[in-house]
Amino acid sequence: MEISDLIPRNKFDFERVYELKKLDVKVLKPILPYLFEWIQDINWPIATEIAQILVECKEEGLPNIRLILKGDDYDWKYFCLTAVVKDLPKEIKKELTRDLERLTFNPSKDDVLFEIDIEAGIILSEIE
């Protein structure tokens, strides 16, 4: 079985999610971008389970997190912050300091509208 075969096929694909939970982070690395897509809407049934997997990926997920935080999908940014970043270990959060500062102190109009600046500020205050 290829690792790509374990990417969830739909928002109810708990079977694949449970298989993913058994795997080492190094094995998951090639499919992390696809897993991050599942937290675009945290209300999807598998989203919180996927978020837990992403938290366990720690620094391996940082490139994906940075891309999301620089993007313009504001729901995704919000869910990334509230479902993944907030639960990362403090030392990993520190690596996101610049991104969090940008969102907190220089947010776009939409970042403010979606309260991304507030969430980023809360996380930033936890690591200072």
Foldseek 3Di string as FASTA:
>chain_A
DQPVVLQDPDLVRVVSLVVLVPDDLVSCLVCLLSLLVLQLPCPRNCNLSSLVSLLVNQLSCVVVLLVQLPDDSLSSVVSCLPRHLLSHPLVSVVVCLVSLCCLQVPNDPVSVVSVVNVSSVVSNVVND
